Amino acid sequence: MTLSGGQQQRLCIARALVLELQVLLLDEPTASLDETAGRVIEELLVSLKERLTLFVVSHYLEQVKRIADRVMVFSNGSIEGGGGWPGSTSLRGA
């Protein structure tokens, strides 16, 4: 059986949830997924953040805006800015 990229991502998240974690670190959770599969993963992450802390690493600012409550921007190993939504003026490009 072959799983799609989105199915593989959901399976990985499900496997982590079995461990009853309090914190989940995701590095580019929708990388290499088509838009539809990426939205499914985003919706899953939005629902999960109600019961666990998520640290999501992403280069996609629009995705970060859809998922995050608080954001930290790193550049060249330093914190460049951060804040909460909506209207976080301390984030470049926001």
N, C-alpha and C. Protein backbone atom coordinates (compact mmCIF):
# COMPACT_ATOMS: atom_id res chain seq x y z
N MET A 1 0.84 -1.16 0.00
CA MET A 1 0.00 0.00 0.00
C MET A 1 0.90 1.24 0.00
N THR A 2 0.51 2.21 -0.80
CA THR A 2 1.24 3.46 -0.87
C THR A 2 0.37 4.58 -0.33
N LEU A 3 0.93 5.37 0.58
CA LEU A 3 0.22 6.50 1.16
C LEU A 3 0.61 7.79 0.44
N SER A 4 -0.35 8.70 0.29
CA SER A 4 -0.03 10.01 -0.27
C SER A 4 0.78 10.80 0.75
N GLY A 5 1.34 11.92 0.31
CA GLY A 5 2.11 12.76 1.23
C GLY A 5 1.28 13.24 2.40
N GLY A 6 0.05 13.64 2.13
CA GLY A 6 -0.84 14.10 3.19
C GLY A 6 -1.18 12.99 4.17
N GLN A 7 -1.41 11.80 3.64
CA GLN A 7 -1.70 10.64 4.51
C GLN A 7 -0.49 10.31 5.37
N GLN A 8 0.70 10.40 4.79
CA GLN A 8 1.92 10.14 5.56
C GLN A 8 2.07 11.15 6.69
N GLN A 9 1.81 12.42 6.40
CA GLN A 9 1.91 13.46 7.43
C GLN A 9 0.91 13.20 8.56
N ARG A 10 -0.34 12.88 8.21
CA ARG A 10 -1.35 12.61 9.23
C ARG A 10 -0.98 11.39 10.05
N LEU A 11 -0.43 10.37 9.41
CA LEU A 11 -0.01 9.17 10.13
C LEU A 11 1.12 9.50 11.12
N CYS A 12 2.06 10.31 10.70
CA CYS A 12 3.16 10.70 11.61
C CYS A 12 2.63 11.48 12.81
N ILE A 13 1.70 12.38 12.57
CA ILE A 13 1.11 13.15 13.67
C ILE A 13 0.33 12.22 14.59
N ALA A 14 -0.43 11.30 14.02
CA ALA A 14 -1.20 10.34 14.83
C ALA A 14 -0.28 9.49 15.69
N ARG A 15 0.83 9.05 15.13
CA ARG A 15 1.79 8.24 15.90
C ARG A 15 2.34 9.03 17.08
N ALA A 16 2.59 10.31 16.87
CA ALA A 16 3.08 11.15 17.97
C ALA A 16 2.01 11.34 19.04
N LEU A 17 0.76 11.46 18.63
CA LEU A 17 -0.33 11.69 19.58
C LEU A 17 -0.58 10.49 20.49
N VAL A 18 -0.27 9.30 20.01
CA VAL A 18 -0.44 8.10 20.82
C VAL A 18 0.41 8.19 22.09
N LEU A 19 1.49 8.93 22.01
CA LEU A 19 2.39 9.07 23.16
C LEU A 19 1.86 10.04 24.20
N GLU A 20 0.71 10.67 23.93
CA GLU A 20 0.09 11.62 24.84
C GLU A 20 1.06 12.75 25.23
N LEU A 21 1.65 13.32 24.23
CA LEU A 21 2.61 14.41 24.43
C LEU A 21 1.91 15.69 24.85
N GLN A 22 2.65 16.56 25.48
CA GLN A 22 2.15 17.90 25.80
C GLN A 22 2.68 18.92 24.81
N VAL A 23 3.80 18.60 24.16
CA VAL A 23 4.43 19.50 23.20
C VAL A 23 4.74 18.70 21.94
N LEU A 24 4.46 19.31 20.79
CA LEU A 24 4.75 18.67 19.52
C LEU A 24 5.53 19.66 18.66
N LEU A 25 6.69 19.24 18.16
CA LEU A 25 7.53 20.06 17.30
C LEU A 25 7.38 19.57 15.87
N LEU A 26 6.99 20.48 14.99
CA LEU A 26 6.79 20.13 13.58
C LEU A 26 7.66 21.03 12.71
N ASP A 27 8.47 20.43 11.88
CA ASP A 27 9.34 21.18 10.98
C ASP A 27 8.75 21.13 9.58
N GLU A 28 8.28 22.27 9.10
CA GLU A 28 7.66 22.37 7.77
C GLU A 28 6.62 21.26 7.57
N PRO A 29 5.55 21.24 8.37
CA PRO A 29 4.61 20.13 8.35
C PRO A 29 3.84 19.94 7.04
N THR A 30 3.82 20.96 6.18
CA THR A 30 3.10 20.79 4.92
C THR A 30 4.03 20.84 3.71
N ALA A 31 5.33 20.75 3.94
CA ALA A 31 6.29 20.76 2.83
C ALA A 31 6.00 19.59 1.90
N SER A 32 6.11 19.82 0.63
CA SER A 32 5.93 18.80 -0.42
C SER A 32 4.50 18.28 -0.55
N LEU A 33 3.54 18.98 0.06
CA LEU A 33 2.14 18.57 -0.08
C LEU A 33 1.43 19.52 -1.04
N ASP A 34 0.40 19.00 -1.71
CA ASP A 34 -0.40 19.89 -2.55
C ASP A 34 -1.27 20.76 -1.64
N GLU A 35 -1.92 21.76 -2.21
CA GLU A 35 -2.67 22.73 -1.42
C GLU A 35 -3.78 22.08 -0.60
N THR A 36 -4.48 21.12 -1.19
CA THR A 36 -5.58 20.47 -0.48
C THR A 36 -5.07 19.69 0.73
N ALA A 37 -4.04 18.89 0.54
CA ALA A 37 -3.48 18.11 1.65
C ALA A 37 -2.89 19.03 2.71
N GLY A 38 -2.26 20.12 2.27
CA GLY A 38 -1.70 21.09 3.21
C GLY A 38 -2.77 21.71 4.09
N ARG A 39 -3.91 22.03 3.50
CA ARG A 39 -5.01 22.61 4.28
C ARG A 39 -5.55 21.62 5.31
N VAL A 40 -5.61 20.35 4.95
CA VAL A 40 -6.06 19.32 5.89
C VAL A 40 -5.13 19.27 7.10
N ILE A 41 -3.82 19.31 6.85
CA ILE A 41 -2.84 19.29 7.93
C ILE A 41 -2.98 20.56 8.77
N GLU A 42 -3.15 21.71 8.12
CA GLU A 42 -3.33 22.96 8.87
C GLU A 42 -4.55 22.88 9.78
N GLU A 43 -5.66 22.37 9.26
CA GLU A 43 -6.87 22.24 10.08
C GLU A 43 -6.64 21.31 11.26
N LEU A 44 -5.91 20.23 11.03
CA LEU A 44 -5.57 19.31 12.11
C LEU A 44 -4.74 20.02 13.17
N LEU A 45 -3.76 20.80 12.75
CA LEU A 45 -2.91 21.51 13.71
C LEU A 45 -3.69 22.55 14.51
N VAL A 46 -4.61 23.24 13.86
CA VAL A 46 -5.44 24.22 14.57
C VAL A 46 -6.27 23.52 15.64
N SER A 47 -6.80 22.34 15.32
CA SER A 47 -7.59 21.62 16.34
C SER A 47 -6.70 21.06 17.45
N LEU A 48 -5.49 20.65 17.12
CA LEU A 48 -4.58 20.09 18.12
C LEU A 48 -4.07 21.14 19.10
N LYS A 49 -3.95 22.38 18.66
CA LYS A 49 -3.37 23.40 19.54
C LYS A 49 -4.29 23.72 20.71
N GLU A 50 -5.51 23.21 20.69
CA GLU A 50 -6.41 23.38 21.82
C GLU A 50 -6.00 22.50 23.00
N ARG A 51 -5.28 21.41 22.72
CA ARG A 51 -4.92 20.49 23.80
C ARG A 51 -3.43 20.26 23.98
N LEU A 52 -2.60 20.73 23.06
CA LEU A 52 -1.16 20.66 23.26
C LEU A 52 -0.47 21.88 22.73
N THR A 53 0.76 22.03 23.14
CA THR A 53 1.58 23.14 22.66
C THR A 53 2.27 22.69 21.38
N LEU A 54 2.13 23.49 20.35
CA LEU A 54 2.78 23.19 19.07
C LEU A 54 3.89 24.19 18.81
N PHE A 55 5.03 23.69 18.40
CA PHE A 55 6.10 24.52 17.87
C PHE A 55 6.20 24.15 16.40
N VAL A 56 5.89 25.09 15.54
CA VAL A 56 5.88 24.82 14.11
C VAL A 56 6.93 25.70 13.44
N VAL A 57 7.84 25.06 12.74
CA VAL A 57 8.86 25.76 11.98
C VAL A 57 8.37 25.84 10.55
N SER A 58 8.32 27.06 10.01
CA SER A 58 7.82 27.22 8.64
C SER A 58 8.42 28.46 8.00
N HIS A 59 8.61 28.38 6.70
CA HIS A 59 9.04 29.54 5.92
C HIS A 59 7.84 30.23 5.29
N TYR A 60 6.64 29.69 5.50
CA TYR A 60 5.44 30.21 4.85
C TYR A 60 4.66 31.10 5.82
N LEU A 61 4.88 32.42 5.73
CA LEU A 61 4.26 33.36 6.65
C LEU A 61 2.73 33.27 6.62
N GLU A 62 2.14 33.09 5.46
CA GLU A 62 0.68 33.00 5.38
C GLU A 62 0.17 31.78 6.15
N GLN A 63 0.89 30.69 6.08
CA GLN A 63 0.51 29.49 6.83
C GLN A 63 0.65 29.75 8.33
N VAL A 64 1.72 30.39 8.71
CA VAL A 64 1.95 30.73 10.11
C VAL A 64 0.78 31.57 10.63
N LYS A 65 0.34 32.53 9.85
CA LYS A 65 -0.79 33.37 10.25
C LYS A 65 -2.06 32.56 10.47
N ARG A 66 -2.26 31.53 9.66
CA ARG A 66 -3.46 30.71 9.80
C ARG A 66 -3.41 29.79 11.01
N ILE A 67 -2.23 29.38 11.43
CA ILE A 67 -2.09 28.39 12.49
C ILE A 67 -1.75 29.01 13.85
N ALA A 68 -0.86 29.98 13.86
CA ALA A 68 -0.21 30.40 15.11
C ALA A 68 -1.02 31.39 15.94
N ASP A 69 -0.84 31.28 17.24
CA ASP A 69 -1.32 32.28 18.19
C ASP A 69 -0.20 33.27 18.52
N ARG A 70 1.02 32.75 18.58
CA ARG A 70 2.21 33.57 18.86
C ARG A 70 3.28 33.15 17.87
N VAL A 71 4.12 34.09 17.52
CA VAL A 71 5.14 33.85 16.50
C VAL A 71 6.47 34.44 16.95
N MET A 72 7.54 33.73 16.62
CA MET A 72 8.89 34.25 16.81
C MET A 72 9.59 34.14 15.46
N VAL A 73 10.24 35.20 15.06
CA VAL A 73 10.96 35.23 13.79
C VAL A 73 12.45 35.18 14.08
N PHE A 74 13.12 34.19 13.49
CA PHE A 74 14.56 34.02 13.65
C PHE A 74 15.24 34.32 12.33
N SER A 75 16.38 34.98 12.40
CA SER A 75 17.18 35.25 11.22
C SER A 75 18.64 35.24 11.62
N ASN A 76 19.43 34.48 10.92
CA ASN A 76 20.86 34.38 11.19
C ASN A 76 21.15 34.05 12.65
N GLY A 77 20.35 33.17 13.24
CA GLY A 77 20.58 32.72 14.60
C GLY A 77 20.09 33.65 15.69
N SER A 78 19.42 34.73 15.33
CA SER A 78 18.93 35.69 16.32
C SER A 78 17.43 35.88 16.18
N ILE A 79 16.79 36.25 17.28
CA ILE A 79 15.37 36.55 17.24
C ILE A 79 15.20 37.94 16.65
N GLU A 80 14.46 38.03 15.55
CA GLU A 80 14.25 39.29 14.86
C GLU A 80 12.97 39.98 15.32
N GLY A 81 12.01 39.23 15.78
CA GLY A 81 10.74 39.81 16.19
C GLY A 81 9.81 38.72 16.66
N GLY A 82 8.65 39.13 17.09
CA GLY A 82 7.67 38.17 17.54
C GLY A 82 6.47 38.87 18.10
N GLY A 83 5.46 38.09 18.34
CA GLY A 83 4.24 38.66 18.90
C GLY A 83 3.06 37.75 18.69
N GLY A 84 1.92 38.26 19.02
CA GLY A 84 0.70 37.50 18.87
C GLY A 84 -0.13 38.06 17.72
N TRP A 85 -1.11 37.32 17.32
CA TRP A 85 -2.04 37.77 16.28
C TRP A 85 -3.28 38.30 16.95
N PRO A 86 -4.13 39.05 16.36
CA PRO A 86 -3.96 39.63 15.02
C PRO A 86 -3.16 40.92 15.07
N GLY A 87 -2.68 41.35 13.92
CA GLY A 87 -2.06 42.64 13.78
C GLY A 87 -0.72 42.79 14.46
N SER A 88 0.07 41.73 14.51
CA SER A 88 1.37 41.83 15.14
C SER A 88 2.28 42.70 14.28
N THR A 89 2.52 43.91 14.74
CA THR A 89 3.32 44.85 13.96
C THR A 89 4.81 44.60 14.09
N SER A 90 5.21 43.76 15.01
CA SER A 90 6.64 43.53 15.19
C SER A 90 7.19 42.49 14.22
N LEU A 91 6.32 41.92 13.39
CA LEU A 91 6.77 40.93 12.41
C LEU A 91 6.93 41.56 11.05
N ARG A 92 8.10 41.39 10.47
CA ARG A 92 8.31 41.91 9.12
C ARG A 92 7.47 41.12 8.15
N GLY A 93 6.85 41.80 7.21
CA GLY A 93 6.05 41.15 6.19
C GLY A 93 4.65 40.80 6.63
N ALA A 94 4.31 41.05 7.88
CA ALA A 94 2.98 40.70 8.38
C ALA A 94 1.98 41.76 8.00
